Protein backbone atom coordinates (compact mmCIF):
# COMPACT_ATOMS: atom_id res chain seq x y z
CA UNK A 1 -47.19 -51.60 8.01
CA UNK A 2 -44.29 -50.03 6.14
CA UNK A 3 -41.81 -52.54 4.70
CA UNK A 4 -44.29 -55.43 5.11
CA UNK A 5 -44.49 -57.88 2.19
CA UNK A 6 -47.77 -59.33 0.98
CA UNK A 7 -48.64 -62.04 -1.52
CA UNK A 8 -49.76 -60.46 -4.75
CA UNK A 9 -53.16 -62.01 -5.28
CA UNK A 10 -53.68 -59.99 -8.45
CA UNK A 11 -50.77 -61.71 -10.27
CA UNK A 12 -50.60 -65.26 -11.54
CA UNK A 13 -47.42 -65.64 -9.49
CA UNK A 14 -44.97 -65.63 -12.39
CA UNK A 15 -43.98 -61.98 -12.75
CA UNK A 16 -44.56 -60.11 -9.45
CA UNK A 17 -45.51 -62.58 -6.72
CA UNK A 18 -45.19 -60.08 -3.88
CA UNK A 19 -46.11 -56.51 -2.99
CA UNK A 20 -44.07 -54.23 -0.72
CA UNK A 21 -45.81 -51.63 1.51
CA UNK A 22 -43.90 -48.36 1.32
CA UNK A 23 -46.47 -46.06 2.96
CA UNK A 24 -45.73 -44.36 6.28
CA UNK A 25 -47.37 -46.08 9.23
CA UNK A 26 -48.78 -42.75 10.50
CA UNK A 27 -51.27 -43.04 7.57
CA UNK A 28 -52.71 -46.38 8.64
CA UNK A 29 -56.18 -44.88 8.95
CA UNK A 30 -56.46 -44.46 5.17
CA UNK A 31 -58.24 -47.26 3.34
CA UNK A 32 -55.38 -47.65 0.82
CA UNK A 33 -51.66 -48.36 1.02
CA UNK A 34 -48.97 -47.39 -1.45
CA UNK A 35 -47.34 -50.59 -2.68
CA UNK A 36 -44.48 -51.55 -4.96
CA UNK A 37 -44.46 -54.84 -6.87
CA UNK A 38 -41.57 -57.20 -6.12
CA UNK A 39 -40.66 -58.83 -9.44
CA UNK A 40 -38.68 -62.05 -9.86
CA UNK A 41 -35.10 -61.23 -10.92
CA UNK A 42 -35.34 -63.54 -13.97
CA UNK A 43 -38.47 -61.72 -15.17
CA UNK A 44 -37.33 -58.14 -14.54
CA UNK A 45 -34.68 -57.39 -17.14
CA UNK A 46 -32.18 -54.53 -16.75
CA UNK A 47 -32.12 -52.78 -13.40
CA UNK A 48 -31.48 -49.06 -12.85
CA UNK A 49 -29.11 -49.01 -9.86
CA UNK A 50 -30.60 -47.65 -6.64
CA UNK A 51 -34.10 -47.38 -8.21
CA UNK A 52 -34.32 -51.17 -8.36
CA UNK A 53 -32.73 -52.86 -5.26
CA UNK A 54 -32.77 -56.64 -4.97
CA UNK A 55 -34.19 -58.37 -1.89
CA UNK A 56 -34.80 -61.96 -0.79
CA UNK A 57 -38.40 -62.74 0.08
CA UNK A 58 -39.45 -66.23 1.14
CA UNK A 59 -36.11 -67.56 -0.20
CA UNK A 60 -36.61 -65.96 -3.60
CA UNK A 61 -34.59 -63.04 -5.12
CA UNK A 62 -36.89 -60.20 -6.25
CA UNK A 63 -36.41 -56.71 -7.61
CA UNK A 64 -38.23 -53.72 -6.11
CA UNK A 65 -40.03 -52.35 -9.22
CA UNK A 66 -40.17 -48.86 -7.68
CA UNK A 67 -41.32 -47.18 -10.90
CA UNK A 68 -44.52 -49.28 -10.77
CA UNK A 69 -45.77 -48.06 -7.36
CA UNK A 70 -49.55 -47.81 -6.92
CA UNK A 71 -52.21 -47.46 -4.22
CA UNK A 72 -54.11 -50.62 -3.29
CA UNK A 73 -57.10 -50.96 -0.98
CA UNK A 74 -55.87 -52.22 2.38
CA UNK A 75 -58.79 -54.64 2.73
CA UNK A 76 -57.54 -56.68 -0.29
CA UNK A 77 -54.03 -57.32 1.01
CA UNK A 78 -54.56 -60.12 3.51
CA UNK A 79 -51.82 -60.78 6.08
CA UNK A 80 -48.20 -59.85 5.71
CA UNK A 81 -45.98 -62.82 4.83
CA UNK A 82 -42.53 -61.23 5.38
CA UNK A 83 -40.88 -57.98 6.33
CA UNK A 84 -38.05 -55.99 4.75
CA UNK A 85 -37.66 -53.59 7.65
CA UNK A 86 -33.94 -54.45 7.88
CA UNK A 87 -33.61 -53.10 4.32
CA UNK A 88 -35.55 -49.86 5.01
CA UNK A 89 -32.68 -47.62 3.94
CA UNK A 90 -32.48 -49.21 0.51
CA UNK A 91 -36.27 -49.00 0.15
CA UNK A 92 -36.37 -45.32 1.08
CA UNK A 93 -33.37 -44.71 -1.19
CA UNK A 94 -35.22 -46.19 -4.15
CA UNK A 95 -38.22 -43.98 -3.41
CA UNK A 96 -35.91 -40.95 -3.21
CA UNK A 97 -34.54 -41.75 -6.67
CA UNK A 98 -38.06 -42.04 -8.09
CA UNK A 99 -39.61 -39.00 -6.44
CA UNK A 100 -36.66 -36.61 -5.97
CA UNK A 101 -34.00 -37.84 -8.38
CA UNK A 102 -31.29 -38.23 -5.78
């Protein structure tokens, strides 16, 4: 589901502990989802404005590393642990910066 947050099982937990689903829900039938890593603020370094919004997930501040988006098989995600639906405008804005440059 778009804006759902999943635990990043492919990371040791120190750099990008979470993944954010940014794919449109109308494409749920596909076996993959487009995801963006959520990186701990302390690990991220310099942010690039709207491209890298900051969110709180499970009480922890993380940066949406929009430039690192990738497709991941849906079957390997497990259950969502949080949702950033309330921040959807900032998420879509970050994707607009990456894909359109606005």
